[in-house]
């Protein structure tokens, strides 16, 4: 079984297969019809506390070279 990742905002293609967003929050500006998700696994995503910590101070983390 192949698993592919794709941004929620990328166009839907017939080759996508089953579409499963894994995030606690629904993508901003996306309707259910536009996203065409088969299943939403919000409980498999990072916790709200971890998301807030990760986005808190991005300047303190070095980007990969």
C-alpha atoms as a PDB file:
ATOM      1  CA  UNK A   1       0.000   0.000   0.000  1.00  0.00           C
ATOM      2  CA  UNK A   2       1.382   3.386  -1.003  1.00  0.00           C
ATOM      3  CA  UNK A   3       0.757   6.435   1.153  1.00  0.00           C
ATOM      4  CA  UNK A   4       1.168   9.868  -0.366  1.00  0.00           C
ATOM      5  CA  UNK A   5       0.942  13.248   1.299  1.00  0.00           C
ATOM      6  CA  UNK A   6      -0.567  16.303  -0.278  1.00  0.00           C
ATOM      7  CA  UNK A   7      -1.553  19.768   0.857  1.00  0.00           C
ATOM      8  CA  UNK A   8      -5.241  20.269   1.504  1.00  0.00           C
ATOM      9  CA  UNK A   9      -5.177  23.305  -0.795  1.00  0.00           C
ATOM     10  CA  UNK A  10      -3.753  21.370  -3.765  1.00  0.00           C
ATOM     11  CA  UNK A  11      -6.232  20.549  -6.524  1.00  0.00           C
ATOM     12  CA  UNK A  12      -8.114  17.264  -6.246  1.00  0.00           C
ATOM     13  CA  UNK A  13      -6.987  14.734  -8.850  1.00  0.00           C
ATOM     14  CA  UNK A  14      -8.533  11.426  -9.824  1.00  0.00           C
ATOM     15  CA  UNK A  15      -5.239   9.673  -8.936  1.00  0.00           C
ATOM     16  CA  UNK A  16      -5.475  10.867  -5.306  1.00  0.00           C
ATOM     17  CA  UNK A  17      -7.254   7.769  -4.071  1.00  0.00           C
ATOM     18  CA  UNK A  18      -8.712   8.013  -0.570  1.00  0.00           C
ATOM     19  CA  UNK A  19      -8.281  11.513   0.870  1.00  0.00           C
ATOM     20  CA  UNK A  20      -7.762  11.706   4.651  1.00  0.00           C
ATOM     21  CA  UNK A  21      -6.872  15.038   6.281  1.00  0.00           C
ATOM     22  CA  UNK A  22      -4.919  14.597   9.529  1.00  0.00           C
ATOM     23  CA  UNK A  23      -5.192  17.898  11.377  1.00  0.00           C
ATOM     24  CA  UNK A  24      -7.110  19.156  14.405  1.00  0.00           C
ATOM     25  CA  UNK A  25      -8.456  22.191  12.573  1.00  0.00           C
ATOM     26  CA  UNK A  26     -10.271  22.229   9.249  1.00  0.00           C
ATOM     27  CA  UNK A  27      -8.244  23.968   6.497  1.00  0.00           C
ATOM     28  CA  UNK A  28      -9.160  27.643   6.401  1.00  0.00           C
ATOM     29  CA  UNK A  29     -11.416  28.583   3.515  1.00  0.00           C
ATOM     30  CA  UNK A  30     -12.018  24.982   2.418  1.00  0.00           C
ATOM     31  CA  UNK A  31     -15.525  23.601   2.130  1.00  0.00           C
ATOM     32  CA  UNK A  32     -16.268  19.907   2.479  1.00  0.00           C
ATOM     33  CA  UNK A  33     -17.204  19.829  -1.190  1.00  0.00           C
ATOM     34  CA  UNK A  34     -13.930  21.433  -2.288  1.00  0.00           C
ATOM     35  CA  UNK A  35     -11.686  19.263  -0.105  1.00  0.00           C
ATOM     36  CA  UNK A  36     -13.490  16.025  -1.014  1.00  0.00           C
ATOM     37  CA  UNK A  37     -12.198  14.213   2.077  1.00  0.00           C
ATOM     38  CA  UNK A  38     -13.247  10.598   2.567  1.00  0.00           C
ATOM     39  CA  UNK A  39     -12.397  10.644   6.270  1.00  0.00           C
ATOM     40  CA  UNK A  40     -11.062  13.228   8.764  1.00  0.00           C
ATOM     41  CA  UNK A  41      -8.602  11.920  11.366  1.00  0.00           C
ATOM     42  CA  UNK A  42      -8.324  14.956  13.637  1.00  0.00           C
ATOM     43  CA  UNK A  43      -7.556  12.770  16.676  1.00  0.00           C
ATOM     44  CA  UNK A  44      -4.438  11.408  14.931  1.00  0.00           C
ATOM     45  CA  UNK A  45      -2.987  14.921  14.559  1.00  0.00           C
ATOM     46  CA  UNK A  46      -0.668  16.761  16.918  1.00  0.00           C
ATOM     47  CA  UNK A  47      -2.278  18.052  20.095  1.00  0.00           C
ATOM     48  CA  UNK A  48      -3.374  21.670  20.325  1.00  0.00           C
ATOM     49  CA  UNK A  49      -0.675  22.309  22.940  1.00  0.00           C
ATOM     50  CA  UNK A  50       2.043  20.922  20.645  1.00  0.00           C
ATOM     51  CA  UNK A  51       0.812  22.998  17.689  1.00  0.00           C
ATOM     52  CA  UNK A  52       0.838  26.160  19.818  1.00  0.00           C
ATOM     53  CA  UNK A  53       4.323  25.385  21.139  1.00  0.00           C
ATOM     54  CA  UNK A  54       5.681  24.691  17.652  1.00  0.00           C
ATOM     55  CA  UNK A  55       4.283  27.942  16.231  1.00  0.00           C
ATOM     56  CA  UNK A  56       5.145  30.044  19.296  1.00  0.00           C
ATOM     57  CA  UNK A  57       8.712  31.129  18.490  1.00  0.00           C
ATOM     58  CA  UNK A  58       9.843  29.985  15.083  1.00  0.00           C
ATOM     59  CA  UNK A  59      12.863  32.298  15.158  1.00  0.00           C
ATOM     60  CA  UNK A  60      14.425  30.162  17.903  1.00  0.00           C
ATOM     61  CA  UNK A  61      14.591  27.122  15.593  1.00  0.00           C
ATOM     62  CA  UNK A  62      17.149  26.833  12.855  1.00  0.00           C
ATOM     63  CA  UNK A  63      15.953  25.816   9.428  1.00  0.00           C
ATOM     64  CA  UNK A  64      17.649  22.802   7.814  1.00  0.00           C
ATOM     65  CA  UNK A  65      20.503  23.600   5.460  1.00  0.00           C
END
